[in-house]
């Protein structure tokens, strides 16, 4: 500690000088602006991830819709082939009723999947918008904080000069 005392005593006039205070305020302001820019970039990266996540979920829902239609096709084929194999007209009576029921269920599942896909896209875009707004707010906040730091540096400069 005794070794550092002369260095600290020599540095005290420099640290308390008006020019040093102004320069320190400028460097601090630049650091604050850079931190705000970095935070905005981080939020924009999160926004891109949210959009990608929304698209991926939408694709998964579209695949479910496609699967529902494939299952519907298989069900209709089974109803027609079984009724024809049993000697029943596949376009009338209980076979037609089964086909209508299967069509209703298949279309309902497909429509639900399509709606879910649209909602997933919308949710991803909404979340991305929230992240982008947060990034803009962080950037603006850093500018305001930097101006405050420069103002404090100017005040200190005025007191020490």
Protein backbone atom coordinates (compact mmCIF):
# COMPACT_ATOMS: atom_id res chain seq x y z
CA UNK A 1 0.00 0.00 0.00
CA UNK A 2 2.84 2.36 0.75
CA UNK A 3 4.07 1.92 -2.81
CA UNK A 4 0.73 3.03 -4.24
CA UNK A 5 0.42 6.15 -2.11
CA UNK A 6 2.86 8.28 -4.19
CA UNK A 7 1.16 7.15 -7.42
CA UNK A 8 -2.27 8.02 -6.06
CA UNK A 9 -1.00 11.38 -4.83
CA UNK A 10 0.45 12.14 -8.26
CA UNK A 11 -2.74 11.03 -10.07
CA UNK A 12 -5.10 13.05 -7.87
CA UNK A 13 -4.52 16.39 -9.66
CA UNK A 14 -5.03 14.71 -13.02
CA UNK A 15 -8.24 12.98 -11.96
CA UNK A 16 -9.67 16.16 -10.48
CA UNK A 17 -8.69 18.34 -13.44
CA UNK A 18 -11.51 19.79 -15.51
CA UNK A 19 -10.23 18.36 -18.78
CA UNK A 20 -10.04 14.87 -17.39
CA UNK A 21 -13.61 15.11 -16.05
CA UNK A 22 -14.88 16.24 -19.46
CA UNK A 23 -12.98 13.48 -21.26
CA UNK A 24 -14.21 10.87 -18.79
CA UNK A 25 -17.79 12.03 -19.33
CA UNK A 26 -17.35 11.73 -23.10
CA UNK A 27 -15.87 8.25 -22.86
CA UNK A 28 -18.61 7.19 -20.47
CA UNK A 29 -21.27 8.56 -22.84
CA UNK A 30 -19.76 6.68 -25.78
CA UNK A 31 -19.72 3.50 -23.72
CA UNK A 32 -23.35 3.97 -22.81
CA UNK A 33 -24.32 4.47 -26.46
CA UNK A 34 -22.34 1.39 -27.48
CA UNK A 35 -24.04 -0.65 -24.75
CA UNK A 36 -27.44 0.56 -25.96
CA UNK A 37 -26.58 -0.43 -29.53
CA UNK A 38 -25.46 -3.87 -28.37
CA UNK A 39 -28.65 -4.33 -26.39
CA UNK A 40 -30.70 -3.31 -29.43
CA UNK A 41 -28.85 -5.87 -31.56
CA UNK A 42 -29.57 -8.51 -28.94
CA UNK A 43 -33.28 -7.67 -29.00
CA UNK A 44 -33.31 -7.73 -32.80
CA UNK A 45 -31.70 -11.19 -32.73
CA UNK A 46 -34.44 -12.30 -30.33
CA UNK A 47 -37.01 -10.81 -32.72
CA UNK A 48 -35.61 -12.85 -35.61
CA UNK A 49 -35.72 -15.97 -33.42
CA UNK A 50 -39.35 -15.27 -32.49
CA UNK A 51 -40.30 -14.92 -36.16
CA UNK A 52 -38.51 -18.16 -37.01
CA UNK A 53 -40.18 -19.93 -34.10
CA UNK A 54 -43.57 -18.70 -35.33
CA UNK A 55 -42.87 -19.94 -38.85
CA UNK A 56 -41.71 -23.31 -37.55
CA UNK A 57 -44.86 -23.70 -35.47
CA UNK A 58 -46.97 -22.69 -38.46
CA UNK A 59 -45.28 -25.33 -40.59
CA UNK A 60 -45.94 -27.93 -37.91
CA UNK A 61 -49.62 -26.99 -37.88
CA UNK A 62 -49.78 -27.12 -41.67
CA UNK A 63 -48.27 -30.60 -41.51
CA UNK A 64 -50.99 -31.60 -39.04
CA UNK A 65 -53.58 -30.31 -41.50
CA UNK A 66 -51.99 -32.31 -44.30
CA UNK A 67 -51.96 -35.39 -42.07
CA UNK A 68 -55.64 -34.87 -41.29
CA UNK A 69 -56.47 -34.79 -45.00
CA UNK A 70 -54.33 -37.88 -45.63
CA UNK A 71 -56.16 -39.71 -42.82
CA UNK A 72 -59.48 -38.56 -44.28
CA UNK A 73 -58.51 -39.95 -47.67
CA UNK A 74 -57.53 -43.28 -46.11
CA UNK A 75 -60.77 -43.41 -44.12
CA UNK A 76 -62.90 -42.66 -47.16
CA UNK A 77 -61.05 -45.29 -49.17
CA UNK A 78 -61.62 -47.85 -46.41
CA UNK A 79 -65.34 -47.03 -46.18
CA UNK A 80 -65.80 -47.28 -49.95
CA UNK A 81 -63.81 -50.49 -50.32
CA UNK A 82 -65.47 -52.24 -47.37
CA UNK A 83 -68.94 -51.28 -48.42
CA UNK A 84 -68.29 -52.36 -52.01
CA UNK A 85 -66.73 -55.61 -50.82
CA UNK A 86 -69.84 -56.26 -48.72
CA UNK A 87 -72.12 -55.75 -51.68
CA UNK A 88 -73.42 -52.38 -50.44
CA UNK A 89 -73.70 -49.26 -52.60
CA UNK A 90 -70.89 -46.99 -51.25
CA UNK A 91 -72.68 -43.81 -52.37
CA UNK A 92 -75.90 -44.29 -50.41
CA UNK A 93 -77.22 -45.38 -47.03
CA UNK A 94 -74.97 -45.95 -44.05
CA UNK A 95 -71.79 -45.94 -46.17
CA UNK A 96 -72.62 -42.43 -47.42
CA UNK A 97 -73.43 -41.36 -43.87
CA UNK A 98 -70.07 -42.63 -42.65
CA UNK A 99 -68.35 -40.82 -45.50
CA UNK A 100 -70.13 -37.56 -44.65
CA UNK A 101 -69.17 -37.91 -40.99
CA UNK A 102 -65.54 -38.62 -41.90
CA UNK A 103 -65.50 -35.66 -44.28
CA UNK A 104 -66.87 -33.38 -41.59
CA UNK A 105 -64.30 -34.49 -39.03
CA UNK A 106 -61.41 -34.36 -41.51
CA UNK A 107 -62.28 -30.90 -42.74
CA UNK A 108 -62.76 -29.69 -39.16
CA UNK A 109 -59.30 -30.97 -38.18
CA UNK A 110 -57.77 -29.41 -41.28
CA UNK A 111 -59.41 -26.04 -40.58
CA UNK A 112 -58.28 -26.08 -36.95
CA UNK A 113 -54.71 -26.78 -38.06
CA UNK A 114 -54.89 -23.96 -40.64
CA UNK A 115 -56.22 -21.54 -38.01
CA UNK A 116 -53.49 -22.58 -35.59
CA UNK A 117 -50.87 -21.99 -38.30
CA UNK A 118 -52.16 -18.46 -38.87
CA UNK A 119 -52.17 -17.79 -35.12
CA UNK A 120 -48.62 -19.13 -34.74
CA UNK A 121 -47.40 -16.79 -37.48
CA UNK A 122 -49.21 -13.87 -35.92
CA UNK A 123 -47.89 -14.67 -32.47
CA UNK A 124 -44.33 -14.88 -33.80
CA UNK A 125 -44.67 -11.54 -35.55
CA UNK A 126 -46.21 -9.94 -32.47
CA UNK A 127 -43.41 -11.20 -30.23
CA UNK A 128 -40.84 -10.02 -32.78
CA UNK A 129 -42.47 -6.58 -32.74
CA UNK A 130 -42.26 -6.48 -28.95
CA UNK A 131 -38.55 -7.33 -29.09
CA UNK A 132 -37.92 -4.70 -31.76
CA UNK A 133 -39.70 -2.06 -29.67
CA UNK A 134 -37.65 -3.06 -26.64
CA UNK A 135 -34.48 -2.69 -28.71
CA UNK A 136 -35.50 0.77 -29.87
CA UNK A 137 -36.33 1.75 -26.30
CA UNK A 138 -32.95 0.49 -25.08
CA UNK A 139 -31.17 2.46 -27.80
CA UNK A 140 -33.14 5.64 -27.00
CA UNK A 141 -32.53 5.16 -23.29
CA UNK A 142 -28.80 4.91 -23.92
CA UNK A 143 -28.89 8.20 -25.85
CA UNK A 144 -30.73 9.94 -23.03
CA UNK A 145 -28.37 8.49 -20.44
CA UNK A 146 -25.35 9.56 -22.54
CA UNK A 147 -26.66 13.12 -22.75
CA UNK A 148 -27.06 13.09 -18.97
CA UNK A 149 -23.50 11.89 -18.53
CA UNK A 150 -22.20 14.63 -20.83
CA UNK A 151 -24.25 17.15 -18.89
CA UNK A 152 -22.75 15.95 -15.60
CA UNK A 153 -19.28 16.14 -17.13
CA UNK A 154 -19.94 19.70 -18.29
CA UNK A 155 -21.17 20.65 -14.83
CA UNK A 156 -18.05 19.17 -13.21
CA UNK A 157 -15.88 20.89 -15.81
CA UNK A 158 -17.52 24.19 -14.97
CA UNK A 159 -16.93 23.69 -11.26
CA UNK A 160 -13.28 22.68 -11.64
CA UNK A 161 -12.31 25.22 -14.31
